[in-house]
Amino acid sequence: MPKHTDKIDQSDEHNSRGIELADRGWFDEAKREFEKAIELDPESAHAYDNLGTVHVEKGDLDNALAVYLKALSSDPESPATHHYLASFLAAHGVELAVQHYRRAIELDPEMVDAHLNLGMALADGGQLEEALNEVEIAHKQDPEDEMVEHELASCLIDLQRYPEAITHLKRIIKMHPEHIEAYVDLGISYTAQGFYAEAESILQKALQLDADDFASHYHMAALNVAWGRQEQALDHLELAKTGDAARLRSWLRDDHAFAALRNNERLLKLLA
């Protein structure tokens, strides 16, 4: 039997033993077996995947990522290797980012961008209260930063703390009169509070800045549905579709604000 084949067989044995150990929760022992498997067969995609999985189970995301990148470096044409790396990033990318943002803040507590980006990552993960805390820290450190204050307002909207969001959004608009996103978010906040006339006025100002702005038309439509003006709502949805039909369909599918229009023929055409 060729020597290379012997090494592959030995690698497979270590890999199988590592799987058995990992199934028992003996991750340190499993890690050593997978490392031996890779040493014997550097092209063993399954051994890399299993070693990466053990690192994830141990909470060591940095080393897990290093393993997947090493596997990719050793065989950049392996579809399995690309799949394992992609699966890891899809499952743990935000968690890994959060860990490094936190480490950056430990090293430099005054790093505004780290607090801001940590807040945004936490918000993406649904940890809204923690996200708000980080963005508030960033805002206290740099109260004049337009992006930070807008993200703070967005966090407050997500938490349905609309009066506080409105205060920040008004301040942004005063300092930056062409900030379309701030107008849109202010319109969203007014709509949620039942201040429909104020919401309409604000969203009209956004459309004066950009008559084709997708978000402005979309949220003007949501306002009109809440206000009981279905035809006007559909008019704005059709204008939004002109700008980005795929995004419109994506947003509408899960948006309960348009429940009253679900069987409307014009809406069904927009969703088609």
C-alpha atoms as a PDB file:
ATOM      1  CA  MET A   1       0.000   0.000   0.000  1.00  0.00           C
ATOM      2  CA  PRO A   2       1.460   3.444  -0.925  1.00  0.00           C
ATOM      3  CA  LYS A   3       2.776   5.503   1.922  1.00  0.00           C
ATOM      4  CA  HIS A   4       0.427   8.403   1.111  1.00  0.00           C
ATOM      5  CA  THR A   5      -2.598   6.118   1.368  1.00  0.00           C
ATOM      6  CA  ASP A   6      -1.406   4.908   4.774  1.00  0.00           C
ATOM      7  CA  LYS A   7      -1.311   8.476   6.034  1.00  0.00           C
ATOM      8  CA  ILE A   8      -4.820   9.153   4.760  1.00  0.00           C
ATOM      9  CA  ASP A   9      -6.097   6.019   6.495  1.00  0.00           C
ATOM     10  CA  GLN A  10      -4.394   7.048   9.733  1.00  0.00           C
ATOM     11  CA  SER A  11      -5.834  10.536   9.371  1.00  0.00           C
ATOM     12  CA  ASP A  12      -9.327   9.089   8.980  1.00  0.00           C
ATOM     13  CA  GLU A  13      -8.824   7.033  12.133  1.00  0.00           C
ATOM     14  CA  HIS A  14      -7.834  10.079  14.162  1.00  0.00           C
ATOM     15  CA  ASN A  15     -10.751  11.994  12.687  1.00  0.00           C
ATOM     16  CA  SER A  16     -13.217   9.246  13.648  1.00  0.00           C
ATOM     17  CA  ARG A  17     -11.763   9.050  17.147  1.00  0.00           C
ATOM     18  CA  GLY A  18     -12.048  12.823  17.471  1.00  0.00           C
ATOM     19  CA  ILE A  19     -15.718  12.676  16.536  1.00  0.00           C
ATOM     20  CA  GLU A  20     -16.365  10.059  19.223  1.00  0.00           C
ATOM     21  CA  LEU A  21     -14.586  12.179  21.839  1.00  0.00           C
ATOM     22  CA  ALA A  22     -16.427  15.330  20.788  1.00  0.00           C
ATOM     23  CA  ASP A  23     -19.761  13.498  21.035  1.00  0.00           C
ATOM     24  CA  ARG A  24     -18.903  12.740  24.663  1.00  0.00           C
ATOM     25  CA  GLY A  25     -18.068  16.383  25.310  1.00  0.00           C
ATOM     26  CA  TRP A  26     -14.323  15.753  25.622  1.00  0.00           C
ATOM     27  CA  PHE A  27     -13.356  18.657  23.425  1.00  0.00           C
ATOM     28  CA  ASP A  28      -9.699  19.035  24.398  1.00  0.00           C
ATOM     29  CA  GLU A  29      -9.033  15.381  23.593  1.00  0.00           C
ATOM     30  CA  ALA A  30     -11.062  15.654  20.375  1.00  0.00           C
ATOM     31  CA  LYS A  31      -9.073  18.731  19.369  1.00  0.00           C
ATOM     32  CA  ARG A  32      -5.814  16.800  19.602  1.00  0.00           C
ATOM     33  CA  GLU A  33      -7.203  13.992  17.435  1.00  0.00           C
ATOM     34  CA  PHE A  34      -8.370  16.367  14.726  1.00  0.00           C
ATOM     35  CA  GLU A  35      -5.002  18.146  14.768  1.00  0.00           C
ATOM     36  CA  LYS A  36      -3.272  14.778  14.253  1.00  0.00           C
ATOM     37  CA  ALA A  37      -5.653  14.003  11.398  1.00  0.00           C
ATOM     38  CA  ILE A  38      -4.767  17.288   9.695  1.00  0.00           C
ATOM     39  CA  GLU A  39      -1.056  16.758  10.264  1.00  0.00           C
ATOM     40  CA  LEU A  40      -1.279  13.396   8.507  1.00  0.00           C
ATOM     41  CA  ASP A  41      -3.559  14.661   5.723  1.00  0.00           C
ATOM     42  CA  PRO A  42      -3.457  18.470   5.262  1.00  0.00           C
ATOM     43  CA  GLU A  43      -6.211  18.197   2.638  1.00  0.00           C
ATOM     44  CA  SER A  44      -8.733  16.559   4.988  1.00  0.00           C
ATOM     45  CA  ALA A  45     -11.624  19.026   4.758  1.00  0.00           C
ATOM     46  CA  HIS A  46     -13.703  17.092   7.307  1.00  0.00           C
ATOM     47  CA  ALA A  47     -10.906  17.200   9.875  1.00  0.00           C
ATOM     48  CA  TYR A  48     -10.651  20.975   9.484  1.00  0.00           C
ATOM     49  CA  ASP A  49     -14.405  21.301   9.798  1.00  0.00           C
ATOM     50  CA  ASN A  50     -14.461  19.120  12.924  1.00  0.00           C
ATOM     51  CA  LEU A  51     -11.565  21.024  14.494  1.00  0.00           C
ATOM     52  CA  GLY A  52     -13.326  24.308  13.779  1.00  0.00           C
ATOM     53  CA  THR A  53     -16.516  22.956  15.332  1.00  0.00           C
ATOM     54  CA  VAL A  54     -14.629  21.967  18.501  1.00  0.00           C
ATOM     55  CA  HIS A  55     -13.232  25.496  18.777  1.00  0.00           C
ATOM     56  CA  VAL A  56     -16.755  26.877  18.422  1.00  0.00           C
ATOM     57  CA  GLU A  57     -18.013  24.526  21.155  1.00  0.00           C
ATOM     58  CA  LYS A  58     -15.207  25.796  23.393  1.00  0.00           C
ATOM     59  CA  GLY A  59     -16.221  29.392  22.640  1.00  0.00           C
ATOM     60  CA  ASP A  60     -12.940  30.062  20.825  1.00  0.00           C
ATOM     61  CA  LEU A  61     -14.238  31.745  17.695  1.00  0.00           C
ATOM     62  CA  ASP A  62     -10.898  33.293  16.745  1.00  0.00           C
ATOM     63  CA  ASN A  63      -9.211  29.906  16.471  1.00  0.00           C
ATOM     64  CA  ALA A  64     -12.231  28.456  14.696  1.00  0.00           C
ATOM     65  CA  LEU A  65     -11.944  31.162  12.050  1.00  0.00           C
ATOM     66  CA  ALA A  66      -8.194  30.576  11.803  1.00  0.00           C
ATOM     67  CA  VAL A  67      -8.811  26.873  11.156  1.00  0.00           C
ATOM     68  CA  TYR A  68     -11.300  27.533   8.365  1.00  0.00           C
ATOM     69  CA  LEU A  69      -8.996  30.107   6.752  1.00  0.00           C
ATOM     70  CA  LYS A  70      -6.078  27.684   6.970  1.00  0.00           C
ATOM     71  CA  ALA A  71      -8.192  25.022   5.293  1.00  0.00           C
ATOM     72  CA  LEU A  72      -9.084  27.483   2.547  1.00  0.00           C
ATOM     73  CA  SER A  73      -5.429  28.378   2.087  1.00  0.00           C
ATOM     74  CA  SER A  74      -4.464  24.712   1.784  1.00  0.00           C
ATOM     75  CA  ASP A  75      -7.170  23.954  -0.779  1.00  0.00           C
ATOM     76  CA  PRO A  76      -8.793  27.098  -2.249  1.00  0.00           C
ATOM     77  CA  GLU A  77     -10.723  25.059  -4.826  1.00  0.00           C
ATOM     78  CA  SER A  78     -12.517  22.805  -2.314  1.00  0.00           C
ATOM     79  CA  PRO A  79     -16.278  23.442  -2.337  1.00  0.00           C
ATOM     80  CA  ALA A  80     -16.562  21.779   1.094  1.00  0.00           C
ATOM     81  CA  THR A  81     -14.001  24.183   2.549  1.00  0.00           C
ATOM     82  CA  HIS A  82     -15.842  27.212   1.179  1.00  0.00           C
ATOM     83  CA  HIS A  83     -19.089  25.773   2.542  1.00  0.00           C
ATOM     84  CA  TYR A  84     -17.659  25.258   6.045  1.00  0.00           C
ATOM     85  CA  LEU A  85     -16.213  28.774   6.136  1.00  0.00           C
ATOM     86  CA  ALA A  86     -19.455  30.303   4.887  1.00  0.00           C
ATOM     87  CA  SER A  87     -21.518  28.338   7.413  1.00  0.00           C
ATOM     88  CA  PHE A  88     -19.265  29.490  10.243  1.00  0.00           C
ATOM     89  CA  LEU A  89     -19.497  33.138   9.177  1.00  0.00           C
ATOM     90  CA  ALA A  90     -23.274  32.936   8.752  1.00  0.00           C
ATOM     91  CA  ALA A  91     -23.724  31.421  12.201  1.00  0.00           C
ATOM     92  CA  HIS A  92     -21.047  33.266  14.185  1.00  0.00           C
ATOM     93  CA  GLY A  93     -19.955  36.317  12.193  1.00  0.00           C
ATOM     94  CA  VAL A  94     -21.899  38.825  14.307  1.00  0.00           C
ATOM     95  CA  GLU A  95     -20.903  37.067  17.541  1.00  0.00           C
ATOM     96  CA  LEU A  96     -17.241  37.227  16.497  1.00  0.00           C
ATOM     97  CA  ALA A  97     -17.586  40.910  15.623  1.00  0.00           C
ATOM     98  CA  VAL A  98     -19.162  41.602  19.005  1.00  0.00           C
ATOM     99  CA  GLN A  99     -16.272  39.902  20.784  1.00  0.00           C
ATOM    100  CA  HIS A 100     -13.719  42.046  18.973  1.00  0.00           C
ATOM    101  CA  TYR A 101     -15.669  45.282  19.444  1.00  0.00           C
ATOM    102  CA  ARG A 102     -15.782  44.510  23.168  1.00  0.00           C
ATOM    103  CA  ARG A 103     -12.051  43.829  23.171  1.00  0.00           C
ATOM    104  CA  ALA A 104     -11.414  47.111  21.360  1.00  0.00           C
ATOM    105  CA  ILE A 105     -13.434  48.920  24.027  1.00  0.00           C
ATOM    106  CA  GLU A 106     -11.491  47.177  26.807  1.00  0.00           C
ATOM    107  CA  LEU A 107      -8.283  48.463  25.245  1.00  0.00           C
ATOM    108  CA  ASP A 108      -9.673  51.921  24.504  1.00  0.00           C
ATOM    109  CA  PRO A 109     -12.922  52.810  26.335  1.00  0.00           C
ATOM    110  CA  GLU A 110     -13.057  56.166  24.521  1.00  0.00           C
ATOM    111  CA  MET A 111     -13.239  54.657  21.028  1.00  0.00           C
ATOM    112  CA  VAL A 112     -16.522  56.096  19.775  1.00  0.00           C
ATOM    113  CA  ASP A 113     -16.672  53.968  16.628  1.00  0.00           C
ATOM    114  CA  ALA A 114     -16.249  50.750  18.621  1.00  0.00           C
ATOM    115  CA  HIS A 115     -19.199  51.617  20.888  1.00  0.00           C
ATOM    116  CA  LEU A 116     -21.296  52.627  17.861  1.00  0.00           C
ATOM    117  CA  ASN A 117     -20.496  49.526  15.826  1.00  0.00           C
ATOM    118  CA  LEU A 118     -20.946  47.267  18.829  1.00  0.00           C
ATOM    119  CA  GLY A 119     -24.381  48.784  19.312  1.00  0.00           C
ATOM    120  CA  MET A 120     -25.268  48.198  15.669  1.00  0.00           C
ATOM    121  CA  ALA A 121     -24.070  44.583  15.840  1.00  0.00           C
ATOM    122  CA  LEU A 122     -26.070  43.962  19.014  1.00  0.00           C
ATOM    123  CA  ALA A 123     -29.148  45.502  17.412  1.00  0.00           C
ATOM    124  CA  ASP A 124     -28.755  43.183  14.420  1.00  0.00           C
ATOM    125  CA  GLY A 125     -28.734  40.305  16.907  1.00  0.00           C
ATOM    126  CA  GLY A 126     -31.925  41.529  18.586  1.00  0.00           C
ATOM    127  CA  GLN A 127     -30.187  42.664  21.793  1.00  0.00           C
ATOM    128  CA  LEU A 128     -31.848  46.063  21.692  1.00  0.00           C
ATOM    129  CA  GLU A 129     -31.341  47.257  25.271  1.00  0.00           C
ATOM    130  CA  GLU A 130     -27.631  46.428  25.171  1.00  0.00           C
ATOM    131  CA  ALA A 131     -27.391  48.068  21.759  1.00  0.00           C
ATOM    132  CA  LEU A 132     -28.987  51.244  23.071  1.00  0.00           C
ATOM    133  CA  ASN A 133     -26.564  51.335  26.004  1.00  0.00           C
ATOM    134  CA  GLU A 134     -23.539  51.203  23.691  1.00  0.00           C
ATOM    135  CA  VAL A 135     -24.888  53.831  21.312  1.00  0.00           C
ATOM    136  CA  GLU A 136     -25.728  56.109  24.252  1.00  0.00           C
ATOM    137  CA  ILE A 137     -22.106  55.829  25.388  1.00  0.00           C
ATOM    138  CA  ALA A 138     -20.943  56.759  21.881  1.00  0.00           C
ATOM    139  CA  HIS A 139     -23.349  59.717  21.838  1.00  0.00           C
ATOM    140  CA  LYS A 140     -22.104  60.998  25.204  1.00  0.00           C
ATOM    141  CA  GLN A 141     -18.529  60.745  23.940  1.00  0.00           C
ATOM    142  CA  ASP A 142     -19.339  62.615  20.723  1.00  0.00           C
ATOM    143  CA  PRO A 143     -22.724  64.377  20.955  1.00  0.00           C
ATOM    144  CA  GLU A 144     -22.211  66.211  17.663  1.00  0.00           C
ATOM    145  CA  ASP A 145     -21.703  63.109  15.533  1.00  0.00           C
ATOM    146  CA  GLU A 146     -24.669  62.942  13.159  1.00  0.00           C
ATOM    147  CA  MET A 147     -24.338  59.218  12.455  1.00  0.00           C
ATOM    148  CA  VAL A 148     -24.166  58.315  16.142  1.00  0.00           C
ATOM    149  CA  GLU A 149     -27.231  60.358  17.003  1.00  0.00           C
ATOM    150  CA  HIS A 150     -29.195  58.893  14.120  1.00  0.00           C
ATOM    151  CA  GLU A 151     -28.306  55.362  15.221  1.00  0.00           C
ATOM    152  CA  LEU A 152     -29.393  56.319  18.744  1.00  0.00           C
ATOM    153  CA  ALA A 153     -32.755  57.457  17.380  1.00  0.00           C
ATOM    154  CA  SER A 154     -33.057  54.201  15.416  1.00  0.00           C
ATOM    155  CA  CYS A 155     -32.455  52.151  18.574  1.00  0.00           C
ATOM    156  CA  LEU A 156     -35.112  54.138  20.403  1.00  0.00           C
ATOM    157  CA  ILE A 157     -37.573  53.511  17.547  1.00  0.00           C
ATOM    158  CA  ASP A 158     -36.840  49.775  17.702  1.00  0.00           C
ATOM    159  CA  LEU A 159     -37.642  49.917  21.424  1.00  0.00           C
ATOM    160  CA  GLN A 160     -40.826  51.917  20.687  1.00  0.00           C
ATOM    161  CA  ARG A 161     -39.527  54.852  22.722  1.00  0.00           C
ATOM    162  CA  TYR A 162     -40.838  57.291  20.153  1.00  0.00           C
ATOM    163  CA  PRO A 163     -40.887  60.600  22.102  1.00  0.00           C
ATOM    164  CA  GLU A 164     -37.158  60.248  22.841  1.00  0.00           C
ATOM    165  CA  ALA A 165     -36.456  59.315  19.233  1.00  0.00           C
ATOM    166  CA  ILE A 166     -38.412  62.346  18.029  1.00  0.00           C
ATOM    167  CA  THR A 167     -36.267  64.671  20.144  1.00  0.00           C
ATOM    168  CA  HIS A 168     -33.068  63.360  18.603  1.00  0.00           C
ATOM    169  CA  LEU A 169     -34.449  63.309  15.062  1.00  0.00           C
ATOM    170  CA  LYS A 170     -35.618  66.914  15.309  1.00  0.00           C
ATOM    171  CA  ARG A 171     -32.136  67.898  16.444  1.00  0.00           C
ATOM    172  CA  ILE A 172     -30.530  66.069  13.520  1.00  0.00           C
ATOM    173  CA  ILE A 173     -32.850  67.767  11.027  1.00  0.00           C
ATOM    174  CA  LYS A 174     -32.140  71.172  12.551  1.00  0.00           C
ATOM    175  CA  MET A 175     -28.392  70.620  12.211  1.00  0.00           C
ATOM    176  CA  HIS A 176     -28.604  68.740   8.888  1.00  0.00           C
ATOM    177  CA  PRO A 177     -31.691  69.890   6.931  1.00  0.00           C
ATOM    178  CA  GLU A 178     -31.017  67.495   4.035  1.00  0.00           C
ATOM    179  CA  HIS A 179     -30.800  64.312   6.128  1.00  0.00           C
ATOM    180  CA  ILE A 180     -33.539  62.310   4.353  1.00  0.00           C
ATOM    181  CA  GLU A 181     -33.230  59.273   6.662  1.00  0.00           C
ATOM    182  CA  ALA A 182     -33.909  61.472   9.682  1.00  0.00           C
ATOM    183  CA  TYR A 183     -37.073  62.847   8.055  1.00  0.00           C
ATOM    184  CA  VAL A 184     -38.236  59.308   7.269  1.00  0.00           C
ATOM    185  CA  ASP A 185     -37.580  58.054  10.796  1.00  0.00           C
ATOM    186  CA  LEU A 186     -39.334  61.096  12.222  1.00  0.00           C
ATOM    187  CA  GLY A 187     -42.315  60.296   9.994  1.00  0.00           C
ATOM    188  CA  ILE A 188     -42.265  56.699  11.267  1.00  0.00           C
ATOM    189  CA  SER A 189     -42.212  57.938  14.872  1.00  0.00           C
ATOM    190  CA  TYR A 190     -45.077  60.371  14.351  1.00  0.00           C
ATOM    191  CA  THR A 191     -47.125  57.664  12.633  1.00  0.00           C
ATOM    192  CA  ALA A 192     -46.542  55.271  15.539  1.00  0.00           C
ATOM    193  CA  GLN A 193     -47.707  57.970  17.949  1.00  0.00           C
ATOM    194  CA  GLY A 194     -50.861  58.619  15.909  1.00  0.00           C
ATOM    195  CA  PHE A 195     -49.748  62.093  14.789  1.00  0.00           C
ATOM    196  CA  TYR A 196     -50.706  61.504  11.172  1.00  0.00           C
ATOM    197  CA  ALA A 197     -50.770  65.099   9.931  1.00  0.00           C
ATOM    198  CA  GLU A 198     -47.322  65.746  11.378  1.00  0.00           C
ATOM    199  CA  ALA A 199     -46.026  62.506   9.848  1.00  0.00           C
ATOM    200  CA  GLU A 200     -47.392  63.450   6.431  1.00  0.00           C
ATOM    201  CA  SER A 201     -45.799  66.887   6.580  1.00  0.00           C
ATOM    202  CA  ILE A 202     -42.400  65.442   7.504  1.00  0.00           C
ATOM    203  CA  LEU A 203     -42.472  62.719   4.847  1.00  0.00           C
ATOM    204  CA  GLN A 204     -43.473  65.288   2.227  1.00  0.00           C
ATOM    205  CA  LYS A 205     -40.330  67.221   3.147  1.00  0.00           C
ATOM    206  CA  ALA A 206     -38.303  64.076   2.580  1.00  0.00           C
ATOM    207  CA  LEU A 207     -39.893  63.678  -0.859  1.00  0.00           C
ATOM    208  CA  GLN A 208     -39.116  67.313  -1.646  1.00  0.00           C
ATOM    209  CA  LEU A 209     -35.464  66.453  -1.102  1.00  0.00           C
ATOM    210  CA  ASP A 210     -35.721  63.325  -3.266  1.00  0.00           C
ATOM    211  CA  ALA A 211     -38.959  62.654  -5.104  1.00  0.00           C
ATOM    212  CA  ASP A 212     -37.876  59.091  -5.870  1.00  0.00           C
ATOM    213  CA  ASP A 213     -36.697  58.052  -2.400  1.00  0.00           C
ATOM    214  CA  PHE A 214     -37.879  54.484  -1.799  1.00  0.00           C
ATOM    215  CA  ALA A 215     -38.179  54.658   2.003  1.00  0.00           C
ATOM    216  CA  SER A 216     -40.077  57.949   1.897  1.00  0.00           C
ATOM    217  CA  HIS A 217     -42.735  56.528  -0.443  1.00  0.00           C
ATOM    218  CA  TYR A 218     -42.913  53.250   1.474  1.00  0.00           C
ATOM    219  CA  HIS A 219     -43.489  54.886   4.846  1.00  0.00           C
ATOM    220  CA  MET A 220     -45.843  57.456   3.352  1.00  0.00           C
ATOM    221  CA  ALA A 221     -47.842  54.423   2.187  1.00  0.00           C
ATOM    222  CA  ALA A 222     -47.772  52.932   5.697  1.00  0.00           C
ATOM    223  CA  LEU A 223     -48.968  56.248   7.110  1.00  0.00           C
ATOM    224  CA  ASN A 224     -51.874  56.377   4.663  1.00  0.00           C
ATOM    225  CA  VAL A 225     -52.930  52.832   5.548  1.00  0.00           C
ATOM    226  CA  ALA A 226     -52.961  53.769   9.239  1.00  0.00           C
ATOM    227  CA  TRP A 227     -54.934  56.887   8.330  1.00  0.00           C
ATOM    228  CA  GLY A 228     -57.488  54.848   6.381  1.00  0.00           C
ATOM    229  CA  ARG A 229     -56.468  56.262   2.992  1.00  0.00           C
ATOM    230  CA  GLN A 230     -55.878  53.077   1.043  1.00  0.00           C
ATOM    231  CA  GLU A 231     -55.766  54.468  -2.487  1.00  0.00           C
ATOM    232  CA  GLN A 232     -53.137  57.054  -1.556  1.00  0.00           C
ATOM    233  CA  ALA A 233     -51.166  54.302   0.160  1.00  0.00           C
ATOM    234  CA  LEU A 234     -51.202  52.204  -3.007  1.00  0.00           C
ATOM    235  CA  ASP A 235     -50.140  55.204  -5.082  1.00  0.00           C
ATOM    236  CA  HIS A 236     -47.002  55.550  -2.979  1.00  0.00           C
ATOM    237  CA  LEU A 237     -46.316  51.810  -3.055  1.00  0.00           C
ATOM    238  CA  GLU A 238     -46.430  51.896  -6.844  1.00  0.00           C
ATOM    239  CA  LEU A 239     -43.945  54.770  -6.851  1.00  0.00           C
ATOM    240  CA  ALA A 240     -41.725  52.820  -4.471  1.00  0.00           C
ATOM    241  CA  LYS A 241     -41.888  49.812  -6.795  1.00  0.00           C
ATOM    242  CA  THR A 242     -40.589  51.967  -9.641  1.00  0.00           C
ATOM    243  CA  GLY A 243     -37.444  52.543  -7.588  1.00  0.00           C
ATOM    244  CA  ASP A 244     -36.859  48.995  -6.311  1.00  0.00           C
ATOM    245  CA  ALA A 245     -39.464  46.320  -7.011  1.00  0.00           C
ATOM    246  CA  ALA A 246     -37.552  43.494  -5.303  1.00  0.00           C
ATOM    247  CA  ARG A 247     -37.066  45.452  -2.091  1.00  0.00           C
ATOM    248  CA  LEU A 248     -40.714  46.484  -2.072  1.00  0.00           C
ATOM    249  CA  ARG A 249     -41.870  42.855  -2.301  1.00  0.00           C
ATOM    250  CA  SER A 250     -39.417  41.859   0.433  1.00  0.00           C
ATOM    251  CA  TRP A 251     -40.573  44.593   2.817  1.00  0.00           C
ATOM    252  CA  LEU A 252     -44.271  44.068   2.181  1.00  0.00           C
ATOM    253  CA  ARG A 253     -44.274  40.326   2.838  1.00  0.00           C
ATOM    254  CA  ASP A 254     -43.596  40.679   6.576  1.00  0.00           C
ATOM    255  CA  ASP A 255     -44.993  44.133   7.280  1.00  0.00           C
ATOM    256  CA  HIS A 256     -48.185  43.966   9.360  1.00  0.00           C
ATOM    257  CA  ALA A 257     -48.782  47.672   8.729  1.00  0.00           C
ATOM    258  CA  PHE A 258     -50.313  46.685   5.385  1.00  0.00           C
ATOM    259  CA  ALA A 259     -52.595  43.947   6.719  1.00  0.00           C
ATOM    260  CA  ALA A 260     -55.681  45.954   5.729  1.00  0.00           C
ATOM    261  CA  LEU A 261     -54.593  45.747   2.075  1.00  0.00           C
ATOM    262  CA  ARG A 262     -53.770  42.048   1.911  1.00  0.00           C
ATOM    263  CA  ASN A 263     -56.604  41.161  -0.488  1.00  0.00           C
ATOM    264  CA  ASN A 264     -56.446  44.377  -2.487  1.00  0.00           C
ATOM    265  CA  GLU A 265     -55.963  43.703  -6.209  1.00  0.00           C
ATOM    266  CA  ARG A 266     -53.495  46.547  -6.658  1.00  0.00           C
ATOM    267  CA  LEU A 267     -51.373  45.230  -3.809  1.00  0.00           C
ATOM    268  CA  LEU A 268     -51.472  41.688  -5.177  1.00  0.00           C
ATOM    269  CA  LYS A 269     -50.141  43.024  -8.482  1.00  0.00           C
ATOM    270  CA  LEU A 270     -47.318  44.754  -6.631  1.00  0.00           C
ATOM    271  CA  LEU A 271     -46.429  41.492  -4.895  1.00  0.00           C
ATOM    272  CA  ALA A 272     -46.586  39.427  -8.091  1.00  0.00           C
END
